[in-house]
C-alpha atoms as a PDB file:
ATOM      1  CA  MET A   1     155.129 165.090 188.428  1.00  0.00           C
ATOM      2  CA  PRO A   2     157.017 161.826 188.075  1.00  0.00           C
ATOM      3  CA  ILE A   3     154.864 158.788 187.285  1.00  0.00           C
ATOM      4  CA  ASN A   4     156.101 155.249 187.750  1.00  0.00           C
ATOM      5  CA  VAL A   5     155.076 152.672 185.172  1.00  0.00           C
ATOM      6  CA  SER A   6     156.210 149.160 184.431  1.00  0.00           C
ATOM      7  CA  LYS A   7     159.126 148.610 182.063  1.00  0.00           C
ATOM      8  CA  GLU A   8     156.739 146.979 179.566  1.00  0.00           C
ATOM      9  CA  PHE A   9     154.402 149.987 179.584  1.00  0.00           C
ATOM     10  CA  GLU A  10     157.316 152.381 179.256  1.00  0.00           C
ATOM     11  CA  ASP A  11     158.556 150.383 176.255  1.00  0.00           C
ATOM     12  CA  GLN A  12     155.107 150.566 174.646  1.00  0.00           C
ATOM     13  CA  ILE A  13     155.023 154.334 175.102  1.00  0.00           C
ATOM     14  CA  ARG A  14     158.525 154.742 173.666  1.00  0.00           C
ATOM     15  CA  GLU A  15     157.547 152.569 170.678  1.00  0.00           C
ATOM     16  CA  ARG A  16     154.425 154.635 169.981  1.00  0.00           C
ATOM     17  CA  VAL A  17     156.381 157.883 170.195  1.00  0.00           C
ATOM     18  CA  ALA A  18     159.071 156.512 167.890  1.00  0.00           C
ATOM     19  CA  ARG A  19     156.451 155.458 165.309  1.00  0.00           C
ATOM     20  CA  GLY A  20     154.924 158.929 165.381  1.00  0.00           C
ATOM     21  CA  PRO A  21     153.191 161.226 165.021  1.00  0.00           C
ATOM     22  CA  TYR A  22     153.915 162.062 168.653  1.00  0.00           C
ATOM     23  CA  GLN A  23     156.896 164.187 169.583  1.00  0.00           C
ATOM     24  CA  SER A  24     157.007 163.103 173.222  1.00  0.00           C
ATOM     25  CA  ALA A  25     155.601 160.655 175.741  1.00  0.00           C
ATOM     26  CA  GLU A  26     153.601 163.515 177.237  1.00  0.00           C
ATOM     27  CA  GLU A  27     151.970 164.260 173.879  1.00  0.00           C
ATOM     28  CA  PHE A  28     151.147 160.571 173.368  1.00  0.00           C
ATOM     29  CA  LEU A  29     149.662 160.205 176.849  1.00  0.00           C
ATOM     30  CA  ARG A  30     147.685 163.450 176.550  1.00  0.00           C
ATOM     31  CA  ASN A  31     146.274 162.290 173.209  1.00  0.00           C
ATOM     32  CA  SER A  32     145.469 158.867 174.633  1.00  0.00           C
ATOM     33  CA  ILE A  33     143.631 160.361 177.597  1.00  0.00           C
ATOM     34  CA  ASP A  34     141.705 162.724 175.306  1.00  0.00           C
ATOM     35  CA  ARG A  35     140.705 159.797 173.064  1.00  0.00           C
ATOM     36  CA  ALA A  36     139.616 157.756 176.088  1.00  0.00           C
ATOM     37  CA  ASP A  37     137.497 160.683 177.293  1.00  0.00           C
ATOM     38  CA  GLU A  38     135.933 161.047 173.824  1.00  0.00           C
ATOM     39  CA  TYR A  39     135.231 157.318 173.687  1.00  0.00           C
ATOM     40  CA  ARG A  40     133.644 157.414 177.136  1.00  0.00           C
ATOM     41  CA  ALA A  41     131.429 160.313 176.035  1.00  0.00           C
ATOM     42  CA  GLN A  42     130.409 158.405 172.882  1.00  0.00           C
ATOM     43  CA  ILE A  43     129.498 155.350 174.939  1.00  0.00           C
ATOM     44  CA  ARG A  44     127.536 157.453 177.417  1.00  0.00           C
ATOM     45  CA  ALA A  45     125.643 159.177 174.580  1.00  0.00           C
ATOM     46  CA  ALA A  46     124.901 155.847 172.903  1.00  0.00           C
ATOM     47  CA  VAL A  47     123.582 154.391 176.159  1.00  0.00           C
ATOM     48  CA  GLU A  48     121.406 157.451 176.742  1.00  0.00           C
ATOM     49  CA  GLU A  49     120.109 157.260 173.160  1.00  0.00           C
ATOM     50  CA  GLY A  50     119.380 153.546 173.515  1.00  0.00           C
ATOM     51  CA  THR A  51     117.602 154.065 176.817  1.00  0.00           C
ATOM     52  CA  ALA A  52     115.437 156.803 175.322  1.00  0.00           C
ATOM     53  CA  GLN A  53     114.643 154.619 172.301  1.00  0.00           C
ATOM     54  CA  ALA A  54     113.712 151.673 174.514  1.00  0.00           C
ATOM     55  CA  ARG A  55     111.412 153.866 176.580  1.00  0.00           C
ATOM     56  CA  ARG A  56     109.685 154.885 173.336  1.00  0.00           C
ATOM     57  CA  GLY A  57     109.428 151.245 172.301  1.00  0.00           C
ATOM     58  CA  GLU A  58     112.061 151.618 169.594  1.00  0.00           C
ATOM     59  CA  PHE A  59     114.674 148.926 169.609  1.00  0.00           C
ATOM     60  CA  SER A  60     117.923 148.734 167.639  1.00  0.00           C
ATOM     61  CA  ASP A  61     119.874 145.735 166.470  1.00  0.00           C
ATOM     62  CA  GLY A  62     122.663 145.318 169.020  1.00  0.00           C
ATOM     63  CA  GLU A  63     125.000 143.652 166.517  1.00  0.00           C
ATOM     64  CA  ALA A  64     124.609 146.552 164.081  1.00  0.00           C
ATOM     65  CA  PHE A  65     125.459 148.998 166.863  1.00  0.00           C
ATOM     66  CA  LEU A  66     128.561 147.051 167.845  1.00  0.00           C
ATOM     67  CA  ASP A  67     129.640 146.879 164.202  1.00  0.00           C
ATOM     68  CA  ARG A  68     129.342 150.693 163.944  1.00  0.00           C
ATOM     69  CA  LEU A  69     131.264 151.098 167.201  1.00  0.00           C
ATOM     70  CA  ASP A  70     134.035 148.783 165.963  1.00  0.00           C
ATOM     71  CA  ALA A  71     134.233 150.742 162.696  1.00  0.00           C
ATOM     72  CA  ASP A  72     134.504 154.024 164.608  1.00  0.00           C
ATOM     73  CA  LEU A  73     137.277 152.611 166.801  1.00  0.00           C
ATOM     74  CA  ALA A  74     139.176 151.270 163.785  1.00  0.00           C
ATOM     75  CA  LYS A  75     138.911 154.648 162.074  1.00  0.00           C
ATOM     76  CA  SER A  76     140.162 156.391 165.203  1.00  0.00           C
ATOM     77  CA  GLU A  77     143.157 154.057 165.449  1.00  0.00           C
ATOM     78  CA  ARG A  78     144.050 154.630 161.768  1.00  0.00           C
ATOM     79  CA  GLU A  79     144.015 158.401 162.383  1.00  0.00           C
ATOM     80  CA  GLU A  80     146.544 157.917 165.184  1.00  0.00           C
END
């Protein structure tokens, strides 16, 4: 299935593949989609957890949560 993307996006994909560890654009895109799906699931779980905590009267520091989320994202990008 051919997919049309802008020249800039194509260049970004080629650059990521060239830097590794991906062997092809397909592998890079598959990995990127999988990571996006995992991230979405993490966000959904965090929202559900926060909602449940709020209903129980338990509140978390929003800044601390965002700091943990940023750390998780940074770790994920380093593992790329």
